[in-house]
């Protein structure tokens, strides 16, 4: 799991500035929809915006926290503590991804309900 996140972080590192811009645009749009949109538009777009923002934050956390492996430059004890820290971060990121999956499925069920029922 940790190796997968590290590979993902290394591949996503060049795209981090674009991810920051996308997350900022999504956050601004979310706030605008929350305070200025009508009730119908608000109900339709708040959950998808929240799902997209959660995915952007998750990707940003993966890229920021796991893009390098410093265990070889640290001492033995610090290297083990660093490995434990990295594993805890991987578990936390997996929990965030599970919450995102739940929100994504909830959003899809809402879309399907509106289209077919």
C-alpha atoms as a PDB file:
ATOM      1  CA  UNK A   1       0.000   0.000   0.000  1.00  0.00           C
ATOM      2  CA  UNK A   2       2.759   2.398   0.946  1.00  0.00           C
ATOM      3  CA  UNK A   3       4.758   1.591  -2.178  1.00  0.00           C
ATOM      4  CA  UNK A   4       1.702   2.267  -4.336  1.00  0.00           C
ATOM      5  CA  UNK A   5       1.205   5.654  -2.672  1.00  0.00           C
ATOM      6  CA  UNK A   6       4.885   6.495  -3.140  1.00  0.00           C
ATOM      7  CA  UNK A   7       4.762   5.651  -6.850  1.00  0.00           C
ATOM      8  CA  UNK A   8       1.588   7.703  -7.200  1.00  0.00           C
ATOM      9  CA  UNK A   9       3.217  10.609  -5.365  1.00  0.00           C
ATOM     10  CA  UNK A  10       6.336  10.533  -7.529  1.00  0.00           C
ATOM     11  CA  UNK A  11       4.288  10.488 -10.710  1.00  0.00           C
ATOM     12  CA  UNK A  12       1.999  13.251  -9.478  1.00  0.00           C
ATOM     13  CA  UNK A  13       4.713  15.582  -8.208  1.00  0.00           C
ATOM     14  CA  UNK A  14       5.039  17.543 -11.501  1.00  0.00           C
ATOM     15  CA  UNK A  15       1.272  18.136 -11.475  1.00  0.00           C
ATOM     16  CA  UNK A  16       1.060  19.470  -7.903  1.00  0.00           C
ATOM     17  CA  UNK A  17       0.746  23.180  -8.894  1.00  0.00           C
ATOM     18  CA  UNK A  18      -2.145  22.310 -11.214  1.00  0.00           C
ATOM     19  CA  UNK A  19      -3.758  20.295  -8.441  1.00  0.00           C
ATOM     20  CA  UNK A  20      -3.493  23.301  -6.126  1.00  0.00           C
ATOM     21  CA  UNK A  21      -5.250  25.504  -8.678  1.00  0.00           C
ATOM     22  CA  UNK A  22      -8.012  22.937  -9.272  1.00  0.00           C
ATOM     23  CA  UNK A  23      -8.585  22.525  -5.522  1.00  0.00           C
ATOM     24  CA  UNK A  24      -8.766  26.303  -5.066  1.00  0.00           C
ATOM     25  CA  UNK A  25     -11.292  26.662  -7.904  1.00  0.00           C
ATOM     26  CA  UNK A  26     -13.403  23.834  -6.476  1.00  0.00           C
ATOM     27  CA  UNK A  27     -13.310  25.392  -2.987  1.00  0.00           C
ATOM     28  CA  UNK A  28     -14.343  28.813  -4.319  1.00  0.00           C
ATOM     29  CA  UNK A  29     -17.136  27.236  -6.358  1.00  0.00           C
ATOM     30  CA  UNK A  30     -18.306  25.265  -3.320  1.00  0.00           C
ATOM     31  CA  UNK A  31     -18.491  28.412  -1.195  1.00  0.00           C
ATOM     32  CA  UNK A  32     -20.285  30.281  -3.976  1.00  0.00           C
ATOM     33  CA  UNK A  33     -22.849  27.474  -4.408  1.00  0.00           C
ATOM     34  CA  UNK A  34     -23.280  27.221  -0.653  1.00  0.00           C
ATOM     35  CA  UNK A  35     -24.078  30.911  -0.126  1.00  0.00           C
ATOM     36  CA  UNK A  36     -25.305  32.346  -3.436  1.00  0.00           C
ATOM     37  CA  UNK A  37     -27.011  29.602  -5.430  1.00  0.00           C
ATOM     38  CA  UNK A  38     -30.680  28.738  -5.391  1.00  0.00           C
ATOM     39  CA  UNK A  39     -31.904  25.758  -3.443  1.00  0.00           C
ATOM     40  CA  UNK A  40     -32.246  23.516  -6.494  1.00  0.00           C
ATOM     41  CA  UNK A  41     -28.740  24.288  -7.751  1.00  0.00           C
ATOM     42  CA  UNK A  42     -27.348  23.923  -4.262  1.00  0.00           C
ATOM     43  CA  UNK A  43     -28.879  20.469  -3.819  1.00  0.00           C
ATOM     44  CA  UNK A  44     -27.616  19.373  -7.197  1.00  0.00           C
ATOM     45  CA  UNK A  45     -23.994  20.557  -6.950  1.00  0.00           C
ATOM     46  CA  UNK A  46     -22.879  20.548  -3.298  1.00  0.00           C
ATOM     47  CA  UNK A  47     -22.172  16.828  -3.007  1.00  0.00           C
ATOM     48  CA  UNK A  48     -20.285  16.516  -6.336  1.00  0.00           C
ATOM     49  CA  UNK A  49     -18.153  19.530  -5.427  1.00  0.00           C
ATOM     50  CA  UNK A  50     -17.443  18.027  -2.018  1.00  0.00           C
ATOM     51  CA  UNK A  51     -16.449  14.726  -3.626  1.00  0.00           C
ATOM     52  CA  UNK A  52     -14.102  16.462  -6.075  1.00  0.00           C
ATOM     53  CA  UNK A  53     -12.573  18.591  -3.346  1.00  0.00           C
ATOM     54  CA  UNK A  54     -12.015  15.543  -1.136  1.00  0.00           C
ATOM     55  CA  UNK A  55     -10.268  13.776  -4.014  1.00  0.00           C
ATOM     56  CA  UNK A  56      -8.055  16.823  -4.655  1.00  0.00           C
ATOM     57  CA  UNK A  57      -7.121  17.078  -0.975  1.00  0.00           C
ATOM     58  CA  UNK A  58      -6.355  13.349  -0.887  1.00  0.00           C
ATOM     59  CA  UNK A  59      -4.111  13.589  -3.938  1.00  0.00           C
ATOM     60  CA  UNK A  60      -2.398  16.680  -2.520  1.00  0.00           C
ATOM     61  CA  UNK A  61      -1.730  14.868   0.761  1.00  0.00           C
ATOM     62  CA  UNK A  62      -0.330  11.816  -1.028  1.00  0.00           C
ATOM     63  CA  UNK A  63       1.962  13.943  -3.174  1.00  0.00           C
ATOM     64  CA  UNK A  64       3.088  16.216  -0.344  1.00  0.00           C
ATOM     65  CA  UNK A  65       3.697  13.601   2.322  1.00  0.00           C
ATOM     66  CA  UNK A  66       4.897  10.550   0.435  1.00  0.00           C
ATOM     67  CA  UNK A  67       6.891  11.745  -2.581  1.00  0.00           C
ATOM     68  CA  UNK A  68      10.300  10.913  -1.122  1.00  0.00           C
ATOM     69  CA  UNK A  69      11.764   8.131   0.953  1.00  0.00           C
ATOM     70  CA  UNK A  70      14.326   9.401   3.473  1.00  0.00           C
ATOM     71  CA  UNK A  71      14.920   6.176   5.385  1.00  0.00           C
ATOM     72  CA  UNK A  72      18.360   5.576   3.866  1.00  0.00           C
ATOM     73  CA  UNK A  73      19.727   8.959   4.998  1.00  0.00           C
ATOM     74  CA  UNK A  74      18.430   8.615   8.567  1.00  0.00           C
ATOM     75  CA  UNK A  75      19.897   6.551  11.346  1.00  0.00           C
ATOM     76  CA  UNK A  76      18.614   3.151  12.346  1.00  0.00           C
ATOM     77  CA  UNK A  77      16.134   4.236  15.015  1.00  0.00           C
ATOM     78  CA  UNK A  78      15.039   7.352  13.162  1.00  0.00           C
ATOM     79  CA  UNK A  79      14.616   5.268  10.021  1.00  0.00           C
ATOM     80  CA  UNK A  80      12.312   2.858  11.822  1.00  0.00           C
ATOM     81  CA  UNK A  81      10.307   5.698  13.358  1.00  0.00           C
ATOM     82  CA  UNK A  82      10.063   7.279   9.922  1.00  0.00           C
ATOM     83  CA  UNK A  83       8.826   3.979   8.462  1.00  0.00           C
ATOM     84  CA  UNK A  84       6.208   3.692  11.211  1.00  0.00           C
ATOM     85  CA  UNK A  85       5.153   7.284  10.533  1.00  0.00           C
ATOM     86  CA  UNK A  86       4.883   6.600   6.794  1.00  0.00           C
ATOM     87  CA  UNK A  87       2.766   3.491   7.413  1.00  0.00           C
ATOM     88  CA  UNK A  88       0.436   5.443   9.714  1.00  0.00           C
ATOM     89  CA  UNK A  89       0.083   8.095   7.013  1.00  0.00           C
ATOM     90  CA  UNK A  90      -0.707   5.396   4.448  1.00  0.00           C
ATOM     91  CA  UNK A  91      -3.432   3.991   6.716  1.00  0.00           C
ATOM     92  CA  UNK A  92      -4.863   7.475   7.290  1.00  0.00           C
ATOM     93  CA  UNK A  93      -4.857   8.176   3.562  1.00  0.00           C
ATOM     94  CA  UNK A  94      -6.608   4.867   2.937  1.00  0.00           C
ATOM     95  CA  UNK A  95      -9.323   5.831   5.438  1.00  0.00           C
ATOM     96  CA  UNK A  96      -9.753   9.170   3.648  1.00  0.00           C
ATOM     97  CA  UNK A  97     -10.006   7.304   0.343  1.00  0.00           C
ATOM     98  CA  UNK A  98     -12.695   5.040   1.821  1.00  0.00           C
ATOM     99  CA  UNK A  99     -14.688   8.078   2.969  1.00  0.00           C
ATOM    100  CA  UNK A 100     -14.280   9.525  -0.523  1.00  0.00           C
ATOM    101  CA  UNK A 101     -15.558   6.258  -2.010  1.00  0.00           C
ATOM    102  CA  UNK A 102     -18.624   6.415   0.222  1.00  0.00           C
ATOM    103  CA  UNK A 103     -19.336  10.011  -0.838  1.00  0.00           C
ATOM    104  CA  UNK A 104     -18.783   9.104  -4.485  1.00  0.00           C
ATOM    105  CA  UNK A 105     -21.261   6.220  -4.280  1.00  0.00           C
ATOM    106  CA  UNK A 106     -23.775   8.457  -2.517  1.00  0.00           C
ATOM    107  CA  UNK A 107     -23.386  11.019  -5.288  1.00  0.00           C
ATOM    108  CA  UNK A 108     -23.848   8.374  -7.983  1.00  0.00           C
ATOM    109  CA  UNK A 109     -26.965   7.014  -6.310  1.00  0.00           C
ATOM    110  CA  UNK A 110     -28.420  10.522  -6.236  1.00  0.00           C
ATOM    111  CA  UNK A 111     -27.696  11.007  -9.928  1.00  0.00           C
ATOM    112  CA  UNK A 112     -29.200   7.651 -10.824  1.00  0.00           C
ATOM    113  CA  UNK A 113     -32.288   8.386  -8.699  1.00  0.00           C
ATOM    114  CA  UNK A 114     -32.834  11.725 -10.464  1.00  0.00           C
ATOM    115  CA  UNK A 115     -32.389  10.285 -13.937  1.00  0.00           C
ATOM    116  CA  UNK A 116     -34.407   7.084 -13.699  1.00  0.00           C
ATOM    117  CA  UNK A 117     -36.968   7.477 -10.902  1.00  0.00           C
END
